[in-house]
Amino acid sequence: MLIVGGGPVGLSLAGDLGWRGIDTVLVEARDGSVFQPKMDMVGIRTMEFCRRWGIVDDVESAGYNRAQVQDCAWVTNLNGFEFGREAFAAPQDERSPAQSPQHRERCPQNFFDPVLTRFANSTGHADIRYRTRLLSFVDHGDHVTATVEARETGEVYDIDADYLVGTDGGDSTVRTALDIAMSGDGALTYTSNAIIRCTGLPSLHTTAPAYRYIFIGPEGTWATLVAIDGRDQWRFSLIGDGTQREISEEEMRTAIVRAVGREFDFEILSMLPWVRRQLVADNYRKGRVFIAGDAAHLTSPTGGFGMNTGILDAVNLSWKLAARLQGWGGEELLDSYELEQRPVAVRNITEAGDNLKRMLEPRLTTPDQRIFAPDDTPETRAARKAFGDHYTEMMKREWHSIGIHLGYVYDGSPVIVPDGTPLPAMQVSSYAPSARPGSRAPHVWLDASRSILDEFGPGFVLLRFDPSADSAPLQAAADRAGVPLRVVDIDDPVASELYERALVLVRPDGQVSWRGDTMVEDPDALLTRVSGRREHALVLQ
């Protein structure tokens, strides 16, 4: 397996494939250093994958100050007026919701990438080659040959691989070579980031501590400030519009001083202009070549969905590639990757774009200008409260999005067997666990430290909630087909009620692929369907 691109999605793919016993070579043109972290929130589903990989402690101890409060506040400036805030606990104090054994974690990319690199290397199956760039590739039909260059030596050489996956970002060389178009909005805003270092910034302003500040002026929402390490480094984002222009360091410094509301000493460590986009690739695969992560979908960071959607791509694709290479998965498994993941990307980037519109609403409506008055009279306080209450309520959808992270459903997938139950309505701020086929298998605590999610591994798992239900025919069918399958008896009334059927088949990525109260008449057909061996597929309802 060849992976092109060594960001969090490529590293997760290499790690998950290695965890499944598949050898990979990963090439990355950079040296692996991250000077401008593009993400900082590891979502709840991604943390469930980290739990599976055994790296939760590594993520939590990666370097972010877990005592940093995670409030989000909207202000005129840090020494001005606060319109409102959404309060969140510090990561060290956050508790997992009832629907998961994990909770989201703050771990910016400069901390997260090294954790994933160590994980991938620990499997003994990942060969990570930094400062190595892809020049070209050829899909021969039965394998792929890629030509790469080692940038330090100039050596050009070929790599033969069974498959190639491009996780090489928004300007993906792989996607461009495949001539895959992207659909959507190519430029929502032109924005410039600055990573600044300032010791003791909270002591320089009157606003209560927060993780994220949103700055609103007479022109509307114009900037944000985020605690990038929870100590002395901050990411300041100057939010432009649809016009591309270069921001000088002097202009950036002026904007940062305006946001804080006073002159102060700080160091600009790096600056990065970037474009918010809302795009999804029209295809995720051509032949033996796939794309994932930002190569497949680009989104506004409002909501923190980008990387987490990409890691969902990686886990979805990983087990299917492993199944194919290990000989028990069929070609339809690989076809199902796009069919399952592309609708998730469309949903997520649409939600992120809507979050951006909500954040920028003060640009589109004219706020009562009394909210920016320097005096603090009953009239100005009332105006600020009215504006703040409206903005706070409107922004809750972005801060509370568990339904996006856990409520995705692979409806209509050719390797999922429907059971006739209706598709639940898509929720954003809430999530009702469901074992309906295509859904993430729900979490239940089996004892004080063991979740039912901990039973899901590299192969299929048949959960048996009724000991009288006959699982032997499916086990025999799996043995005949070489499909890895474990039968796990669950004696837990809460889990039984939640999963709703006596037998529930869970895929290697933790999604429900079939359920029933009795075993199907033709278990071979069931295994054929869920393992994507279309050459033997039977219609199974």
Protein backbone atom coordinates (compact mmCIF):
# COMPACT_ATOMS: atom_id res chain seq x y z
CA MET A 1 0.00 0.00 0.00
CA LEU A 2 1.24 3.48 -0.88
CA ILE A 3 -0.10 6.56 0.91
CA VAL A 4 0.71 10.01 -0.47
CA GLY A 5 0.45 12.69 2.21
CA GLY A 6 1.56 12.64 5.84
CA GLY A 7 -1.01 14.78 7.62
CA PRO A 8 -3.38 13.35 10.23
CA VAL A 9 -5.52 11.49 7.67
CA GLY A 10 -2.59 9.80 5.95
CA LEU A 11 -0.99 8.92 9.28
CA SER A 12 -4.29 7.54 10.59
CA LEU A 13 -4.65 5.42 7.46
CA ALA A 14 -1.11 4.09 7.81
CA GLY A 15 -1.69 3.38 11.49
CA ASP A 16 -5.05 1.67 11.02
CA LEU A 17 -3.75 -0.45 8.13
CA GLY A 18 -0.72 -1.37 10.22
CA TRP A 19 -3.01 -2.27 13.13
CA ARG A 20 -4.73 -4.62 10.68
CA GLY A 21 -1.38 -6.15 9.60
CA ILE A 22 -1.03 -4.37 6.24
CA ASP A 23 2.34 -2.98 5.15
CA THR A 24 2.34 0.61 3.92
CA VAL A 25 4.76 3.15 2.54
CA LEU A 26 3.83 6.75 3.25
CA VAL A 27 5.54 9.58 1.35
CA GLU A 28 5.31 13.20 2.47
CA ALA A 29 6.98 16.12 0.70
CA ARG A 30 7.39 18.09 3.96
CA ASP A 31 9.65 17.17 6.86
CA GLY A 32 6.70 16.53 9.16
CA SER A 33 6.95 19.81 11.09
CA VAL A 34 3.73 21.76 11.63
CA PHE A 35 4.13 25.53 11.96
CA GLN A 36 0.50 26.42 11.31
CA PRO A 37 -1.81 23.81 12.88
CA LYS A 38 -4.87 23.54 10.64
CA MET A 39 -6.92 21.69 13.24
CA ASP A 40 -7.08 21.54 17.01
CA MET A 41 -10.19 19.54 17.89
CA VAL A 42 -10.10 15.76 17.89
CA GLY A 43 -13.77 14.83 17.66
CA ILE A 44 -15.56 12.25 19.75
CA ARG A 45 -15.67 9.60 17.01
CA THR A 46 -11.98 10.11 16.27
CA MET A 47 -11.28 9.68 19.98
CA GLU A 48 -13.19 6.38 19.85
CA PHE A 49 -10.78 5.28 17.12
CA CYS A 50 -7.88 6.45 19.30
CA ARG A 51 -9.31 4.28 22.08
CA ARG A 52 -9.32 1.32 19.68
CA TRP A 53 -5.71 2.04 18.74
CA GLY A 54 -4.66 2.40 22.40
CA ILE A 55 -3.42 5.99 22.11
CA VAL A 56 -5.92 7.98 24.20
CA ASP A 57 -3.29 8.67 26.89
CA ASP A 58 -0.88 9.83 24.20
CA VAL A 59 -3.42 12.30 22.83
CA GLU A 60 -4.25 13.64 26.27
CA SER A 61 -0.58 14.12 27.17
CA ALA A 62 0.55 15.38 23.77
CA GLY A 63 1.22 18.95 24.92
CA TYR A 64 -1.96 21.01 25.05
CA ASN A 65 -2.66 22.59 28.43
CA ARG A 66 -5.67 20.53 29.46
CA ALA A 67 -6.45 23.01 32.26
CA GLN A 68 -7.30 25.67 29.65
CA VAL A 69 -11.00 26.53 29.83
CA GLN A 70 -12.79 25.92 26.54
CA ASP A 71 -15.33 28.76 26.63
CA CYS A 72 -16.19 30.55 23.40
CA ALA A 73 -16.86 34.29 23.79
CA TRP A 74 -17.94 37.12 21.45
CA VAL A 75 -16.59 40.55 22.21
CA THR A 76 -15.85 44.02 20.84
CA ASN A 77 -12.25 43.52 22.00
CA LEU A 78 -10.60 41.86 24.97
CA ASN A 79 -10.60 45.11 26.92
CA GLY A 80 -14.02 46.14 25.70
CA PHE A 81 -17.46 44.58 26.05
CA GLU A 82 -18.46 40.94 26.04
CA PHE A 83 -21.73 40.15 24.26
CA GLY A 84 -21.99 36.56 25.45
CA ARG A 85 -20.25 33.22 25.71
CA GLU A 86 -20.79 29.48 25.69
CA ALA A 87 -19.11 27.87 28.69
CA PHE A 88 -17.22 24.58 28.37
CA ALA A 89 -15.06 22.70 30.84
CA ALA A 90 -11.33 22.38 30.46
CA PRO A 91 -10.35 19.11 28.73
CA GLN A 92 -9.10 17.67 32.03
CA ASP A 93 -12.53 18.24 33.55
CA GLU A 94 -14.78 17.30 30.63
CA ARG A 95 -16.83 14.15 31.09
CA SER A 96 -17.83 11.72 28.37
CA PRO A 97 -21.48 11.91 27.31
CA ALA A 98 -23.78 8.95 27.84
CA GLN A 99 -23.49 8.01 24.17
CA SER A 100 -19.71 7.37 24.14
CA PRO A 101 -16.84 6.11 26.28
CA GLN A 102 -14.83 9.15 25.12
CA HIS A 103 -15.20 12.88 24.76
CA ARG A 104 -13.66 15.29 22.30
CA GLU A 105 -10.11 16.38 23.02
CA ARG A 106 -8.19 19.56 22.27
CA CYS A 107 -5.00 18.48 20.48
CA PRO A 108 -3.75 20.81 17.73
CA GLN A 109 -2.10 19.28 14.69
CA ASN A 110 1.43 20.10 15.84
CA PHE A 111 0.74 17.80 18.82
CA PHE A 112 -1.58 15.29 17.12
CA ASP A 113 0.58 14.44 14.09
CA PRO A 114 3.51 13.18 16.21
CA VAL A 115 1.11 10.99 18.22
CA LEU A 116 -0.22 9.43 15.01
CA THR A 117 3.30 9.02 13.63
CA ARG A 118 4.38 7.09 16.72
CA PHE A 119 1.25 4.96 16.52
CA ALA A 120 1.81 4.11 12.85
CA ASN A 121 5.47 3.26 13.50
CA SER A 122 4.53 1.14 16.52
CA THR A 123 2.58 -1.27 14.33
CA GLY A 124 5.78 -2.39 12.61
CA HIS A 125 4.06 -2.13 9.23
CA ALA A 126 4.50 1.56 8.32
CA ASP A 127 7.44 2.95 6.37
CA ILE A 128 7.14 6.76 6.65
CA ARG A 129 9.36 8.71 4.27
CA TYR A 130 9.43 12.46 4.83
CA ARG A 131 10.86 14.91 2.29
CA THR A 132 9.77 12.53 -0.44
CA ARG A 133 7.43 13.85 -3.09
CA LEU A 134 5.25 12.11 -5.62
CA LEU A 135 6.19 12.89 -9.22
CA SER A 136 3.78 10.64 -11.11
CA PHE A 137 2.01 7.28 -11.00
CA VAL A 138 0.62 4.68 -13.37
CA ASP A 139 -2.31 2.37 -12.62
CA HIS A 140 -1.50 -0.92 -14.35
CA GLY A 141 -4.81 -2.54 -13.46
CA ASP A 142 -3.30 -5.10 -11.08
CA HIS A 143 -0.94 -2.72 -9.26
CA VAL A 144 0.19 0.91 -9.20
CA THR A 145 3.70 2.19 -9.91
CA ALA A 146 4.55 5.57 -8.40
CA THR A 147 7.64 7.60 -9.20
CA VAL A 148 8.90 9.63 -6.25
CA GLU A 149 11.83 11.89 -5.47
CA ALA A 150 13.84 11.97 -2.25
CA ARG A 151 14.26 15.73 -1.88
CA GLU A 152 17.42 15.63 0.23
CA THR A 153 19.41 13.53 -2.23
CA GLY A 154 17.55 14.13 -5.48
CA GLU A 155 17.20 10.37 -5.98
CA VAL A 156 14.25 9.42 -8.17
CA TYR A 157 12.87 5.91 -7.80
CA ASP A 158 9.74 3.81 -8.30
CA ILE A 159 7.45 2.25 -5.72
CA ASP A 160 5.15 -0.61 -6.73
CA ALA A 161 2.02 -0.93 -4.62
CA ASP A 162 -1.25 -2.82 -4.69
CA TYR A 163 -3.17 0.43 -4.18
CA LEU A 164 -2.44 4.14 -3.84
CA VAL A 165 -4.34 6.55 -1.58
CA GLY A 166 -3.94 10.31 -1.91
CA THR A 167 -4.27 12.08 1.42
CA ASP A 168 -2.24 15.00 0.11
CA GLY A 169 -4.49 17.93 0.94
CA GLY A 170 -6.64 20.44 -0.85
CA ASP A 171 -4.18 20.90 -3.72
CA SER A 172 -3.90 17.14 -4.09
CA THR A 173 -1.45 15.97 -6.74
CA VAL A 174 -3.22 12.61 -6.77
CA ARG A 175 -6.67 14.08 -7.35
CA THR A 176 -5.31 16.37 -10.08
CA ALA A 177 -3.60 13.47 -11.83
CA LEU A 178 -6.87 11.50 -11.73
CA ASP A 179 -8.67 14.50 -13.26
CA ILE A 180 -11.34 14.38 -10.54
CA ALA A 181 -13.41 17.55 -10.36
CA MET A 182 -14.75 19.09 -7.16
CA SER A 183 -18.23 20.55 -6.73
CA GLY A 184 -19.25 23.39 -4.45
CA ASP A 185 -18.01 26.86 -3.54
CA GLY A 186 -14.31 27.42 -4.17
CA ALA A 187 -13.94 30.62 -2.13
CA LEU A 188 -16.12 31.42 0.89
CA THR A 189 -13.63 33.84 2.43
CA TYR A 190 -9.99 34.76 2.07
CA THR A 191 -8.50 34.63 5.55
CA SER A 192 -5.04 35.21 7.01
CA ASN A 193 -3.76 33.45 10.12
CA ALA A 194 -0.98 34.53 12.44
CA ILE A 195 0.46 32.33 15.16
CA ILE A 196 1.54 34.69 17.94
CA ARG A 197 3.43 34.15 21.16
CA CYS A 198 2.63 36.24 24.20
CA THR A 199 3.33 35.22 27.78
CA GLY A 200 0.57 36.19 30.16
CA LEU A 201 -1.92 37.45 27.59
CA PRO A 202 -4.94 36.85 29.91
CA SER A 203 -3.44 39.30 32.42
CA LEU A 204 -3.45 42.02 29.76
CA HIS A 205 -7.21 42.15 29.29
CA THR A 206 -10.46 42.36 31.23
CA THR A 207 -12.37 39.58 29.45
CA ALA A 208 -12.68 36.27 31.29
CA PRO A 209 -10.49 33.42 29.98
CA ALA A 210 -11.72 31.48 26.97
CA TYR A 211 -10.43 29.11 24.32
CA ARG A 212 -11.90 31.08 21.44
CA TYR A 213 -12.81 34.74 21.07
CA ILE A 214 -14.91 36.08 18.19
CA PHE A 215 -14.46 39.80 17.48
CA ILE A 216 -17.44 41.81 16.27
CA GLY A 217 -17.17 45.45 15.21
CA PRO A 218 -19.32 47.95 13.34
CA GLU A 219 -18.38 46.14 10.09
CA GLY A 220 -19.51 42.80 11.55
CA THR A 221 -17.52 39.71 12.52
CA TRP A 222 -13.94 40.42 11.52
CA ALA A 223 -11.51 38.16 13.46
CA THR A 224 -11.06 35.28 15.89
CA LEU A 225 -8.42 34.35 18.46
CA VAL A 226 -7.84 30.76 19.59
CA ALA A 227 -5.65 29.31 22.36
CA ILE A 228 -3.45 27.11 20.22
CA ASP A 229 -1.47 25.46 23.05
CA GLY A 230 -3.35 26.72 26.10
CA ARG A 231 -0.25 28.55 27.33
CA ASP A 232 1.45 31.31 25.37
CA GLN A 233 0.64 30.61 21.72
CA TRP A 234 -2.49 31.87 20.00
CA ARG A 235 -3.88 31.69 16.48
CA PHE A 236 -5.30 34.98 15.28
CA SER A 237 -7.46 34.81 12.13
CA LEU A 238 -8.26 37.95 10.18
CA ILE A 239 -11.42 37.02 8.30
CA GLY A 240 -11.64 38.58 4.86
CA ASP A 241 -14.38 38.36 2.27
CA GLY A 242 -14.47 37.03 -1.28
CA THR A 243 -11.66 39.33 -2.42
CA GLN A 244 -8.13 37.98 -2.43
CA ARG A 245 -5.46 40.35 -1.15
CA GLU A 246 -2.14 40.15 0.65
CA ILE A 247 -2.03 41.05 4.34
CA SER A 248 1.23 42.65 5.48
CA GLU A 249 2.77 41.94 8.87
CA GLU A 250 2.15 45.58 9.84
CA GLU A 251 -1.56 45.24 9.00
CA MET A 252 -1.72 41.98 10.94
CA ARG A 253 -0.08 43.59 13.98
CA THR A 254 -2.54 46.48 13.87
CA ALA A 255 -5.46 44.04 13.75
CA ILE A 256 -4.12 42.01 16.69
CA VAL A 257 -3.69 45.15 18.81
CA ARG A 258 -7.26 46.19 17.90
CA ALA A 259 -8.56 42.78 18.98
CA VAL A 260 -6.83 42.90 22.36
CA GLY A 261 -7.78 46.55 22.84
CA ARG A 262 -4.38 47.85 23.92
CA GLU A 263 -0.77 48.00 22.87
CA PHE A 264 1.23 45.01 24.11
CA ASP A 265 4.34 43.01 23.29
CA PHE A 266 3.93 39.87 21.19
CA GLU A 267 5.84 37.88 18.60
CA ILE A 268 4.43 36.74 15.28
CA LEU A 269 5.81 33.23 14.76
CA SER A 270 4.27 32.65 11.33
CA MET A 271 1.63 33.96 8.96
CA LEU A 272 -0.49 31.98 6.51
CA PRO A 273 -3.06 33.20 4.00
CA TRP A 274 -5.72 30.62 3.16
CA VAL A 275 -9.09 30.24 1.49
CA ARG A 276 -12.22 28.82 3.10
CA ARG A 277 -13.75 26.41 0.64
CA GLN A 278 -16.83 24.23 0.50
CA LEU A 279 -15.98 21.52 -2.02
CA VAL A 280 -16.45 17.77 -2.39
CA ALA A 281 -14.75 15.62 -5.01
CA ASP A 282 -17.10 14.16 -7.60
CA ASN A 283 -15.39 10.78 -7.22
CA TYR A 284 -13.29 9.19 -4.48
CA ARG A 285 -11.79 6.43 -6.61
CA LYS A 286 -10.46 5.64 -10.05
CA GLY A 287 -9.20 2.09 -10.49
CA ARG A 288 -6.65 1.28 -7.82
CA VAL A 289 -6.23 4.89 -6.73
CA PHE A 290 -8.30 6.58 -3.98
CA ILE A 291 -8.45 9.98 -2.31
CA ALA A 292 -9.34 10.84 1.28
CA GLY A 293 -9.34 13.77 3.68
CA ASP A 294 -8.83 17.25 2.25
CA ALA A 295 -8.00 15.71 -1.11
CA ALA A 296 -11.64 14.58 -1.21
CA HIS A 297 -13.44 17.39 0.64
CA LEU A 298 -12.63 20.93 1.74
CA THR A 299 -14.63 22.70 4.40
CA SER A 300 -14.74 25.79 6.54
CA PRO A 301 -13.22 24.95 9.94
CA THR A 302 -16.35 26.27 11.67
CA GLY A 303 -17.43 23.20 13.61
CA GLY A 304 -14.20 21.23 13.52
CA PHE A 305 -15.46 18.68 11.01
CA GLY A 306 -12.66 18.65 8.42
CA MET A 307 -9.97 16.39 9.86
CA ASN A 308 -12.51 14.28 11.72
CA THR A 309 -14.39 13.59 8.49
CA GLY A 310 -11.04 12.69 6.90
CA ILE A 311 -10.16 10.22 9.63
CA LEU A 312 -13.59 8.65 9.18
CA ASP A 313 -12.60 8.28 5.49
CA ALA A 314 -9.38 6.59 6.55
CA VAL A 315 -11.00 4.04 8.88
CA ASN A 316 -13.77 3.28 6.37
CA LEU A 317 -11.27 2.69 3.57
CA SER A 318 -8.67 0.92 5.69
CA TRP A 319 -10.63 -2.19 6.61
CA LYS A 320 -11.88 -2.55 3.04
CA LEU A 321 -8.38 -2.39 1.57
CA ALA A 322 -7.18 -4.82 4.23
CA ALA A 323 -10.04 -7.22 3.44
CA ARG A 324 -9.21 -7.09 -0.25
CA LEU A 325 -5.49 -7.65 0.31
CA GLN A 326 -6.12 -10.47 2.79
CA GLY A 327 -8.33 -12.20 0.25
CA TRP A 328 -11.71 -12.23 1.98
CA GLY A 329 -13.14 -8.93 0.73
CA GLY A 330 -14.61 -8.34 -2.72
CA GLU A 331 -14.37 -5.48 -5.17
CA GLU A 332 -17.73 -4.06 -4.09
CA LEU A 333 -16.20 -3.24 -0.72
CA LEU A 334 -13.89 -0.78 -2.46
CA ASP A 335 -16.77 0.65 -4.49
CA SER A 336 -18.74 1.20 -1.28
CA TYR A 337 -16.10 3.60 0.10
CA GLU A 338 -17.26 6.51 -2.06
CA LEU A 339 -20.93 5.55 -1.74
CA GLU A 340 -20.68 5.65 2.05
CA GLN A 341 -18.27 8.50 2.71
CA ARG A 342 -19.16 11.08 0.07
CA PRO A 343 -22.68 11.76 1.46
CA VAL A 344 -21.12 12.20 4.91
CA ALA A 345 -18.73 14.80 3.50
CA VAL A 346 -21.56 16.64 1.73
CA ARG A 347 -23.55 16.78 4.97
CA ASN A 348 -20.58 17.90 7.05
CA ILE A 349 -19.26 20.63 4.77
CA THR A 350 -22.79 21.98 4.33
CA GLU A 351 -23.18 22.20 8.10
CA ALA A 352 -19.76 23.88 8.41
CA GLY A 353 -20.72 26.41 5.74
CA ASP A 354 -23.95 27.17 7.57
CA ASN A 355 -21.92 27.63 10.78
CA LEU A 356 -19.78 30.18 8.96
CA LYS A 357 -22.88 32.08 7.82
CA ARG A 358 -24.11 32.19 11.40
CA MET A 359 -20.74 33.41 12.69
CA LEU A 360 -20.63 36.13 10.02
CA GLU A 361 -24.30 37.13 10.38
CA PRO A 362 -23.40 40.55 11.87
CA ARG A 363 -21.81 41.38 8.51
CA LEU A 364 -25.08 40.78 6.71
CA THR A 365 -27.36 42.50 9.20
CA THR A 366 -26.70 45.91 10.66
CA PRO A 367 -26.32 45.57 14.42
CA ASP A 368 -27.66 48.29 16.67
CA GLN A 369 -24.65 50.61 16.72
CA ARG A 370 -25.25 51.38 20.39
CA ILE A 371 -23.59 48.04 21.18
CA PHE A 372 -20.25 49.57 20.17
CA ALA A 373 -20.64 52.78 22.16
CA PRO A 374 -17.82 53.39 24.66
CA ASP A 375 -20.23 54.29 27.47
CA ASP A 376 -22.03 51.78 29.69
CA THR A 377 -25.54 53.17 30.10
CA PRO A 378 -28.78 51.24 30.65
CA GLU A 379 -29.57 51.72 26.95
CA THR A 380 -26.23 50.43 25.69
CA ARG A 381 -26.30 47.53 28.15
CA ALA A 382 -29.79 46.56 26.96
CA ALA A 383 -28.71 46.77 23.32
CA ARG A 384 -25.63 44.63 23.94
CA LYS A 385 -27.67 42.08 25.87
CA ALA A 386 -30.27 41.80 23.10
CA PHE A 387 -27.58 41.35 20.47
CA GLY A 388 -25.57 38.96 22.63
CA ASP A 389 -28.54 36.78 23.52
CA HIS A 390 -29.45 36.42 19.84
CA TYR A 391 -25.89 35.65 18.77
CA THR A 392 -25.34 33.20 21.62
CA GLU A 393 -28.48 31.25 20.82
CA MET A 394 -27.70 31.21 17.11
CA MET A 395 -24.16 29.90 17.65
CA LYS A 396 -25.15 26.97 19.89
CA ARG A 397 -25.59 24.75 16.84
CA GLU A 398 -21.87 24.99 16.11
CA TRP A 399 -20.74 24.29 19.66
CA HIS A 400 -23.11 21.37 20.22
CA SER A 401 -22.79 18.99 17.25
CA ILE A 402 -22.66 15.43 18.60
CA GLY A 403 -25.13 14.37 15.91
CA ILE A 404 -22.63 15.25 13.19
CA HIS A 405 -19.86 13.22 14.80
CA LEU A 406 -21.85 10.12 15.80
CA GLY A 407 -25.12 10.21 13.87
CA TYR A 408 -23.89 9.52 10.33
CA VAL A 409 -25.59 6.57 8.60
CA TYR A 410 -24.41 4.63 5.54
CA ASP A 411 -27.90 4.40 4.15
CA GLY A 412 -28.23 2.61 0.81
CA SER A 413 -24.75 1.10 0.94
CA PRO A 414 -24.44 -2.09 -1.14
CA VAL A 415 -22.59 -3.82 1.72
CA ILE A 416 -25.22 -3.02 4.36
CA VAL A 417 -28.33 -5.19 4.72
CA PRO A 418 -31.35 -2.97 5.53
CA ASP A 419 -33.93 -4.19 8.02
CA GLY A 420 -36.85 -2.07 6.84
CA THR A 421 -36.78 0.41 9.72
CA PRO A 422 -37.03 4.09 8.72
CA LEU A 423 -33.99 6.32 8.43
CA PRO A 424 -33.87 8.53 11.53
CA ALA A 425 -33.98 12.28 11.00
CA MET A 426 -30.54 13.87 10.86
CA GLN A 427 -29.82 15.73 14.07
CA VAL A 428 -26.95 18.10 14.82
CA SER A 429 -27.10 19.08 18.47
CA SER A 430 -28.47 15.77 19.72
CA TYR A 431 -27.82 12.11 19.01
CA ALA A 432 -30.09 9.16 19.72
CA PRO A 433 -28.06 5.93 19.49
CA SER A 434 -29.39 3.37 17.03
CA ALA A 435 -28.31 -0.09 15.92
CA ARG A 436 -30.18 0.26 12.63
CA PRO A 437 -27.95 -1.21 9.89
CA GLY A 438 -25.58 1.42 8.51
CA SER A 439 -25.31 3.21 11.86
CA ARG A 440 -22.39 3.36 14.27
CA ALA A 441 -22.84 0.50 16.73
CA PRO A 442 -23.95 2.21 19.96
CA HIS A 443 -21.85 2.45 23.08
CA VAL A 444 -22.92 0.74 26.30
CA TRP A 445 -20.79 0.25 29.39
CA LEU A 446 -20.46 -3.50 30.06
CA ASP A 447 -18.58 -2.86 33.28
CA ALA A 448 -16.85 0.10 34.90
CA SER A 449 -14.16 0.39 32.25
CA ARG A 450 -15.25 -1.77 29.31
CA SER A 451 -17.44 -0.41 26.55
CA ILE A 452 -19.17 -2.64 24.04
CA LEU A 453 -17.10 -0.67 21.49
CA ASP A 454 -14.01 -2.35 22.94
CA GLU A 455 -15.23 -5.65 21.49
CA PHE A 456 -14.87 -4.42 17.92
CA GLY A 457 -11.56 -5.32 16.29
CA PRO A 458 -9.99 -6.07 12.91
CA GLY A 459 -12.75 -8.50 11.87
CA PHE A 460 -16.53 -8.78 12.02
CA VAL A 461 -18.19 -9.24 15.41
CA LEU A 462 -21.56 -10.95 15.83
CA LEU A 463 -23.14 -9.66 19.03
CA ARG A 464 -25.51 -12.26 20.49
CA PHE A 465 -27.98 -10.85 23.01
CA ASP A 466 -30.03 -14.04 23.24
CA PRO A 467 -27.99 -17.16 24.08
CA SER A 468 -30.60 -19.33 22.36
CA ALA A 469 -30.10 -17.58 19.02
CA ASP A 470 -28.20 -19.89 16.68
CA SER A 471 -24.96 -18.23 15.56
CA ALA A 472 -23.23 -21.42 14.38
CA PRO A 473 -24.38 -21.20 10.74
CA LEU A 474 -22.84 -17.75 10.32
CA GLN A 475 -19.62 -18.83 11.99
CA ALA A 476 -19.43 -21.82 9.66
CA ALA A 477 -20.07 -19.60 6.64
CA ALA A 478 -17.33 -17.23 7.78
CA ASP A 479 -14.91 -20.12 8.16
CA ARG A 480 -15.70 -21.29 4.64
CA ALA A 481 -15.22 -17.82 3.16
CA GLY A 482 -12.19 -16.92 5.26
CA VAL A 483 -13.99 -13.90 6.71
CA PRO A 484 -12.72 -13.07 10.22
CA LEU A 485 -15.63 -13.31 12.64
CA ARG A 486 -16.00 -13.44 16.41
CA VAL A 487 -19.20 -14.24 18.25
CA VAL A 488 -19.57 -12.25 21.47
CA ASP A 489 -22.34 -12.99 23.96
CA ILE A 490 -23.69 -9.86 25.64
CA ASP A 491 -25.63 -10.37 28.86
CA ASP A 492 -26.72 -6.80 29.50
CA PRO A 493 -30.35 -5.64 29.48
CA VAL A 494 -29.47 -2.04 28.61
CA ALA A 495 -27.45 -3.15 25.59
CA SER A 496 -30.10 -5.64 24.55
CA GLU A 497 -32.78 -2.96 24.60
CA LEU A 498 -30.62 -0.52 22.67
CA TYR A 499 -29.57 -2.99 19.95
CA GLU A 500 -33.19 -4.25 19.64
CA ARG A 501 -32.39 -7.60 17.99
CA ALA A 502 -31.03 -10.93 19.22
CA LEU A 503 -28.19 -10.95 16.67
CA VAL A 504 -26.29 -7.89 15.43
CA LEU A 505 -23.38 -8.06 12.99
CA VAL A 506 -20.82 -5.27 13.38
CA ARG A 507 -18.22 -4.49 10.71
CA PRO A 508 -14.49 -3.97 11.30
CA ASP A 509 -15.03 -0.18 11.37
CA GLY A 510 -17.67 -0.41 14.09
CA GLN A 511 -20.76 0.06 11.90
CA VAL A 512 -23.77 -2.27 12.03
CA SER A 513 -24.05 -4.23 8.79
CA TRP A 514 -27.01 -6.55 9.64
CA ARG A 515 -29.30 -7.46 12.52
CA GLY A 516 -32.15 -9.91 13.14
CA ASP A 517 -33.85 -11.96 15.80
CA THR A 518 -33.01 -15.20 14.01
CA MET A 519 -30.23 -16.20 11.67
CA VAL A 520 -30.93 -15.77 7.95
CA GLU A 521 -31.70 -18.89 5.94
CA ASP A 522 -28.61 -18.39 3.80
CA PRO A 523 -25.70 -17.18 5.96
CA ASP A 524 -23.33 -17.57 3.01
CA ALA A 525 -25.34 -14.95 1.13
CA LEU A 526 -25.18 -12.64 4.14
CA LEU A 527 -21.39 -12.92 4.37
CA THR A 528 -21.13 -12.48 0.61
CA ARG A 529 -23.12 -9.25 0.82
CA VAL A 530 -21.35 -7.61 3.74
CA SER A 531 -17.87 -8.58 2.50
CA GLY A 532 -18.54 -7.09 -0.92
CA ARG A 533 -17.94 -10.20 -3.04
CA ARG A 534 -20.32 -9.14 -5.78
CA GLU A 535 -19.27 -11.96 -8.07
CA HIS A 536 -21.19 -14.24 -5.70
CA ALA A 537 -23.71 -11.70 -4.40
CA LEU A 538 -27.31 -12.65 -3.79
CA VAL A 539 -30.24 -10.36 -3.14
CA LEU A 540 -30.77 -10.41 0.60
CA GLN A 541 -33.44 -8.45 2.46
